[in-house]
Amino acid sequence: MLLLDDEFLILQIPDMVQELQAYHQNFSLIFDFLWFMQSKFALSVLRKSKRALYFMALEEDELQ
């Protein structure tokens, strides 16, 4: 329906952008907190780089 109806698309895009901005802000806060917390592990084996943590966050959610 979204791609077939221009009026619907025009009405929905602002809401989608707001939701995406809220998601990005929440993700950024949680990601930075997670990186900070895991950097405090005593064992270097448990520490991950930001790139590795980001890759793990992008993987498919195992809980769904």
N, C-alpha and C. Protein backbone atom coordinates (compact mmCIF):
# COMPACT_ATOMS: atom_id res chain seq x y z
N MET A 1 0.83 -1.19 0.00
CA MET A 1 0.00 0.00 0.00
C MET A 1 0.87 1.26 0.00
N LEU A 2 1.99 1.19 0.72
CA LEU A 2 2.86 2.36 0.85
C LEU A 2 3.37 2.86 -0.50
N LEU A 3 3.74 1.94 -1.37
CA LEU A 3 4.30 2.34 -2.67
C LEU A 3 3.24 2.57 -3.74
N LEU A 4 2.02 2.16 -3.47
CA LEU A 4 0.97 2.30 -4.48
C LEU A 4 0.17 3.58 -4.34
N ASP A 5 0.18 4.17 -3.17
CA ASP A 5 -0.65 5.34 -2.90
C ASP A 5 0.25 6.51 -2.51
N ASP A 6 0.36 7.50 -3.39
CA ASP A 6 1.25 8.64 -3.14
C ASP A 6 0.83 9.44 -1.91
N GLU A 7 -0.45 9.65 -1.72
CA GLU A 7 -0.92 10.42 -0.56
C GLU A 7 -0.56 9.70 0.74
N PHE A 8 -0.75 8.40 0.75
CA PHE A 8 -0.40 7.61 1.93
C PHE A 8 1.09 7.72 2.21
N LEU A 9 1.89 7.64 1.15
CA LEU A 9 3.35 7.75 1.28
C LEU A 9 3.74 9.11 1.85
N ILE A 10 3.14 10.17 1.32
CA ILE A 10 3.45 11.53 1.78
C ILE A 10 3.08 11.71 3.25
N LEU A 11 2.01 11.09 3.68
CA LEU A 11 1.58 11.19 5.08
C LEU A 11 2.44 10.34 6.01
N GLN A 12 2.94 9.22 5.52
CA GLN A 12 3.67 8.28 6.37
C GLN A 12 5.15 8.59 6.51
N ILE A 13 5.76 9.21 5.53
CA ILE A 13 7.21 9.46 5.57
C ILE A 13 7.64 10.29 6.78
N PRO A 14 6.95 11.38 7.14
CA PRO A 14 7.39 12.13 8.32
C PRO A 14 7.38 11.29 9.60
N ASP A 15 6.36 10.45 9.75
CA ASP A 15 6.30 9.57 10.93
C ASP A 15 7.43 8.55 10.90
N MET A 16 7.71 8.00 9.74
CA MET A 16 8.79 7.02 9.62
C MET A 16 10.15 7.65 9.93
N VAL A 17 10.36 8.86 9.47
CA VAL A 17 11.63 9.55 9.73
C VAL A 17 11.77 9.84 11.22
N GLN A 18 10.71 10.26 11.87
CA GLN A 18 10.76 10.52 13.32
C GLN A 18 11.06 9.23 14.08
N GLU A 19 10.41 8.13 13.70
CA GLU A 19 10.67 6.85 14.35
C GLU A 19 12.10 6.41 14.14
N LEU A 20 12.62 6.61 12.94
CA LEU A 20 14.00 6.24 12.64
C LEU A 20 14.98 7.09 13.45
N GLN A 21 14.71 8.37 13.59
CA GLN A 21 15.57 9.24 14.40
C GLN A 21 15.56 8.81 15.86
N ALA A 22 14.40 8.48 16.39
CA ALA A 22 14.30 8.03 17.78
C ALA A 22 15.04 6.71 17.97
N TYR A 23 14.89 5.79 17.01
CA TYR A 23 15.60 4.51 17.08
C TYR A 23 17.11 4.74 17.05
N HIS A 24 17.56 5.59 16.15
CA HIS A 24 19.00 5.87 16.02
C HIS A 24 19.55 6.47 17.31
N GLN A 25 18.82 7.41 17.91
CA GLN A 25 19.27 8.04 19.14
C GLN A 25 19.36 7.01 20.27
N ASN A 26 18.35 6.17 20.41
CA ASN A 26 18.36 5.13 21.45
C ASN A 26 19.47 4.12 21.20
N PHE A 27 19.64 3.70 19.94
CA PHE A 27 20.68 2.74 19.61
C PHE A 27 22.05 3.32 19.94
N SER A 28 22.27 4.57 19.59
CA SER A 28 23.56 5.21 19.83
C SER A 28 23.88 5.27 21.32
N LEU A 29 22.90 5.65 22.12
CA LEU A 29 23.12 5.73 23.57
C LEU A 29 23.43 4.36 24.16
N ILE A 30 22.65 3.37 23.78
CA ILE A 30 22.85 2.02 24.32
C ILE A 30 24.16 1.43 23.82
N PHE A 31 24.48 1.66 22.55
CA PHE A 31 25.72 1.14 21.99
C PHE A 31 26.94 1.73 22.70
N ASP A 32 26.95 3.04 22.92
CA ASP A 32 28.06 3.68 23.62
C ASP A 32 28.18 3.18 25.05
N PHE A 33 27.04 2.98 25.72
CA PHE A 33 27.05 2.45 27.09
C PHE A 33 27.60 1.03 27.10
N LEU A 34 27.16 0.20 26.17
CA LEU A 34 27.64 -1.18 26.09
C LEU A 34 29.14 -1.21 25.84
N TRP A 35 29.62 -0.38 24.93
CA TRP A 35 31.06 -0.35 24.64
C TRP A 35 31.85 0.10 25.87
N PHE A 36 31.34 1.09 26.59
CA PHE A 36 32.00 1.55 27.80
C PHE A 36 32.05 0.44 28.85
N MET A 37 30.93 -0.23 29.05
CA MET A 37 30.86 -1.28 30.08
C MET A 37 31.78 -2.45 29.73
N GLN A 38 31.77 -2.92 28.52
CA GLN A 38 32.59 -4.07 28.17
C GLN A 38 34.07 -3.71 28.15
N SER A 39 34.40 -2.46 27.99
CA SER A 39 35.82 -2.06 28.02
C SER A 39 36.40 -2.15 29.42
N LYS A 40 35.54 -2.30 30.42
CA LYS A 40 35.99 -2.41 31.81
C LYS A 40 36.31 -3.84 32.22
N PHE A 41 36.06 -4.83 31.33
CA PHE A 41 36.37 -6.22 31.66
C PHE A 41 37.87 -6.37 31.89
N ALA A 42 38.21 -7.16 32.89
CA ALA A 42 39.62 -7.37 33.22
C ALA A 42 40.32 -8.20 32.14
N LEU A 43 39.62 -9.18 31.61
CA LEU A 43 40.22 -10.05 30.60
C LEU A 43 40.08 -9.42 29.21
N SER A 44 41.19 -9.31 28.52
CA SER A 44 41.13 -8.70 27.19
C SER A 44 40.37 -9.58 26.20
N VAL A 45 40.24 -10.87 26.51
CA VAL A 45 39.50 -11.78 25.63
C VAL A 45 38.02 -11.38 25.57
N LEU A 46 37.50 -10.80 26.65
CA LEU A 46 36.10 -10.42 26.71
C LEU A 46 35.83 -9.07 26.04
N ARG A 47 36.86 -8.28 25.84
CA ARG A 47 36.68 -6.96 25.23
C ARG A 47 36.53 -7.08 23.72
N LYS A 48 35.66 -6.28 23.17
CA LYS A 48 35.44 -6.26 21.72
C LYS A 48 35.68 -4.84 21.21
N SER A 49 36.11 -4.75 19.97
CA SER A 49 36.26 -3.43 19.36
C SER A 49 34.88 -2.87 19.04
N LYS A 50 34.83 -1.57 18.79
CA LYS A 50 33.54 -0.96 18.41
C LYS A 50 33.01 -1.61 17.14
N ARG A 51 33.89 -1.90 16.22
CA ARG A 51 33.47 -2.51 14.95
C ARG A 51 32.83 -3.88 15.20
N ALA A 52 33.46 -4.69 16.07
CA ALA A 52 32.91 -6.02 16.38
C ALA A 52 31.56 -5.90 17.08
N LEU A 53 31.44 -4.97 18.02
CA LEU A 53 30.16 -4.78 18.71
C LEU A 53 29.09 -4.31 17.74
N TYR A 54 29.43 -3.43 16.83
CA TYR A 54 28.47 -2.93 15.86
C TYR A 54 28.01 -4.06 14.94
N PHE A 55 28.95 -4.89 14.51
CA PHE A 55 28.60 -6.03 13.67
C PHE A 55 27.66 -6.97 14.40
N MET A 56 27.93 -7.22 15.67
CA MET A 56 27.06 -8.07 16.47
C MET A 56 25.67 -7.46 16.61
N ALA A 57 25.60 -6.15 16.74
CA ALA A 57 24.30 -5.47 16.87
C ALA A 57 23.51 -5.53 15.57
N LEU A 58 24.20 -5.59 14.44
CA LEU A 58 23.51 -5.64 13.15
C LEU A 58 23.03 -7.03 12.77
N GLU A 59 23.56 -8.05 13.45
CA GLU A 59 23.12 -9.41 13.13
C GLU A 59 21.65 -9.58 13.49
N GLU A 60 21.05 -10.58 12.92
CA GLU A 60 19.63 -10.84 13.17
C GLU A 60 19.39 -11.09 14.65
N ASP A 61 18.28 -10.55 15.15
CA ASP A 61 17.92 -10.69 16.55
C ASP A 61 17.60 -12.15 16.84
N GLU A 62 18.33 -12.74 17.77
CA GLU A 62 18.14 -14.15 18.12
C GLU A 62 16.87 -14.38 18.92
N LEU A 63 16.31 -13.35 19.54
CA LEU A 63 15.14 -13.51 20.39
C LEU A 63 13.84 -13.58 19.61
N GLN A 64 13.84 -13.18 18.38
CA GLN A 64 12.58 -13.18 17.61
C GLN A 64 12.39 -14.47 16.86
